Amino acid sequence: MDIKEFAQKTIQRFGTHDPFDICNQLGIVILYLPLGRMRGYCYSNENGKAVVLHDGLAEHEARVVCAHELVNHRPAAIACR
């Protein structure tokens, strides 16, 4: 599956293209922390999953980084269910 097909299936499955909404639907917590030079990362442990974003990102940049980290969390399961 190419990236365009993956995006289309993800939007169809979740009814949105907003990565923050998709995280919410998947139960992935979004945290904002001072990360220095890092823009974001994904984290998971026995207590759950989180996308951690740099607290200094502009809203549009945070959206892009969130989408990137969301795919890192669930590369196959997001669109293929």
C-alpha atoms as a PDB file:
ATOM      1  CA  MET A   1       0.000   0.000   0.000  1.00  0.00           C
ATOM      2  CA  ASP A   2       1.437   3.369  -0.971  1.00  0.00           C
ATOM      3  CA  ILE A   3       1.235   6.466   1.249  1.00  0.00           C
ATOM      4  CA  LYS A   4      -1.697   7.982  -0.659  1.00  0.00           C
ATOM      5  CA  GLU A   5      -3.791   4.814  -0.278  1.00  0.00           C
ATOM      6  CA  PHE A   6      -2.777   4.575   3.391  1.00  0.00           C
ATOM      7  CA  ALA A   7      -3.921   8.176   3.997  1.00  0.00           C
ATOM      8  CA  GLN A   8      -7.231   7.614   2.207  1.00  0.00           C
ATOM      9  CA  LYS A   9      -7.974   4.442   4.210  1.00  0.00           C
ATOM     10  CA  THR A  10      -7.056   6.174   7.470  1.00  0.00           C
ATOM     11  CA  ILE A  11      -9.352   9.139   6.728  1.00  0.00           C
ATOM     12  CA  GLN A  12     -12.162   6.773   5.752  1.00  0.00           C
ATOM     13  CA  ARG A  13     -11.764   4.629   8.859  1.00  0.00           C
ATOM     14  CA  PHE A  14     -11.662   7.496  11.357  1.00  0.00           C
ATOM     15  CA  GLY A  15     -13.880   9.984   9.519  1.00  0.00           C
ATOM     16  CA  THR A  16     -11.266  12.728   9.814  1.00  0.00           C
ATOM     17  CA  HIS A  17      -7.832  13.731   8.611  1.00  0.00           C
ATOM     18  CA  ASP A  18      -6.984  15.438  11.923  1.00  0.00           C
ATOM     19  CA  PRO A  19      -4.195  13.500  13.683  1.00  0.00           C
ATOM     20  CA  PHE A  20      -5.308  14.838  17.079  1.00  0.00           C
ATOM     21  CA  ASP A  21      -8.802  13.391  16.545  1.00  0.00           C
ATOM     22  CA  ILE A  22      -7.340  10.079  15.402  1.00  0.00           C
ATOM     23  CA  CYS A  23      -5.135   9.899  18.507  1.00  0.00           C
ATOM     24  CA  ASN A  24      -8.194  10.580  20.638  1.00  0.00           C
ATOM     25  CA  GLN A  25     -10.154   7.802  18.923  1.00  0.00           C
ATOM     26  CA  LEU A  26      -7.264   5.380  19.500  1.00  0.00           C
ATOM     27  CA  GLY A  27      -6.847   6.384  23.154  1.00  0.00           C
ATOM     28  CA  ILE A  28      -3.391   7.858  22.534  1.00  0.00           C
ATOM     29  CA  VAL A  29      -2.651  10.725  24.920  1.00  0.00           C
ATOM     30  CA  ILE A  30      -1.052  13.895  23.534  1.00  0.00           C
ATOM     31  CA  LEU A  31       1.435  15.648  25.797  1.00  0.00           C
ATOM     32  CA  TYR A  32       3.267  18.946  25.298  1.00  0.00           C
ATOM     33  CA  LEU A  33       6.702  19.199  26.907  1.00  0.00           C
ATOM     34  CA  PRO A  34       9.884  21.250  26.407  1.00  0.00           C
ATOM     35  CA  LEU A  35      11.946  18.907  24.238  1.00  0.00           C
ATOM     36  CA  GLY A  36      14.938  21.016  23.308  1.00  0.00           C
ATOM     37  CA  ARG A  37      15.867  20.234  19.711  1.00  0.00           C
ATOM     38  CA  MET A  38      13.411  17.345  19.371  1.00  0.00           C
ATOM     39  CA  ARG A  39      10.042  18.090  17.791  1.00  0.00           C
ATOM     40  CA  GLY A  40       8.250  15.024  19.102  1.00  0.00           C
ATOM     41  CA  TYR A  41       8.293  11.325  19.829  1.00  0.00           C
ATOM     42  CA  CYS A  42       5.914   8.465  20.521  1.00  0.00           C
ATOM     43  CA  TYR A  43       5.914   6.574  23.786  1.00  0.00           C
ATOM     44  CA  SER A  44       4.203   3.458  24.987  1.00  0.00           C
ATOM     45  CA  ASN A  45       4.315   1.344  28.117  1.00  0.00           C
ATOM     46  CA  GLU A  46       2.000  -0.803  30.219  1.00  0.00           C
ATOM     47  CA  ASN A  47      -0.022   2.296  31.183  1.00  0.00           C
ATOM     48  CA  GLY A  48      -0.846   3.307  27.616  1.00  0.00           C
ATOM     49  CA  LYS A  49       0.407   5.252  24.637  1.00  0.00           C
ATOM     50  CA  ALA A  50       1.321   8.886  24.133  1.00  0.00           C
ATOM     51  CA  VAL A  51       2.512  11.259  21.464  1.00  0.00           C
ATOM     52  CA  VAL A  52       4.822  13.828  23.024  1.00  0.00           C
ATOM     53  CA  LEU A  53       5.133  17.132  21.165  1.00  0.00           C
ATOM     54  CA  HIS A  54       7.499  20.037  21.720  1.00  0.00           C
ATOM     55  CA  ASP A  55       5.572  22.717  23.598  1.00  0.00           C
ATOM     56  CA  GLY A  56       6.997  25.459  21.380  1.00  0.00           C
ATOM     57  CA  LEU A  57       5.614  24.199  18.059  1.00  0.00           C
ATOM     58  CA  ALA A  58       3.183  26.316  16.062  1.00  0.00           C
ATOM     59  CA  GLU A  59      -0.235  24.668  15.677  1.00  0.00           C
ATOM     60  CA  HIS A  60       0.275  23.644  12.040  1.00  0.00           C
ATOM     61  CA  GLU A  61       3.723  22.233  12.840  1.00  0.00           C
ATOM     62  CA  ALA A  62       2.362  20.312  15.850  1.00  0.00           C
ATOM     63  CA  ARG A  63      -0.278  18.773  13.550  1.00  0.00           C
ATOM     64  CA  VAL A  64       2.405  17.516  11.129  1.00  0.00           C
ATOM     65  CA  VAL A  65       4.612  16.147  13.910  1.00  0.00           C
ATOM     66  CA  CYS A  66       1.596  14.502  15.575  1.00  0.00           C
ATOM     67  CA  ALA A  67       0.675  12.773  12.293  1.00  0.00           C
ATOM     68  CA  HIS A  68       4.259  11.556  11.885  1.00  0.00           C
ATOM     69  CA  GLU A  69       4.398  10.165  15.429  1.00  0.00           C
ATOM     70  CA  LEU A  70       0.943   8.610  15.097  1.00  0.00           C
ATOM     71  CA  VAL A  71       2.144   6.552  12.144  1.00  0.00           C
ATOM     72  CA  ASN A  72       5.219   5.539  14.154  1.00  0.00           C
ATOM     73  CA  HIS A  73       2.875   4.225  16.858  1.00  0.00           C
ATOM     74  CA  ARG A  74       0.673   2.119  14.622  1.00  0.00           C
ATOM     75  CA  PRO A  75       2.070   1.845  11.107  1.00  0.00           C
ATOM     76  CA  ALA A  76      -0.023  -1.117   9.975  1.00  0.00           C
ATOM     77  CA  ALA A  77      -3.007  -0.989  12.295  1.00  0.00           C
ATOM     78  CA  ILE A  78      -4.191   2.591  11.691  1.00  0.00           C
ATOM     79  CA  ALA A  79      -5.635   2.097   8.220  1.00  0.00           C
ATOM     80  CA  CYS A  80      -5.919  -1.678   8.119  1.00  0.00           C
ATOM     81  CA  ARG A  81      -8.657  -2.804  10.407  1.00  0.00           C
END
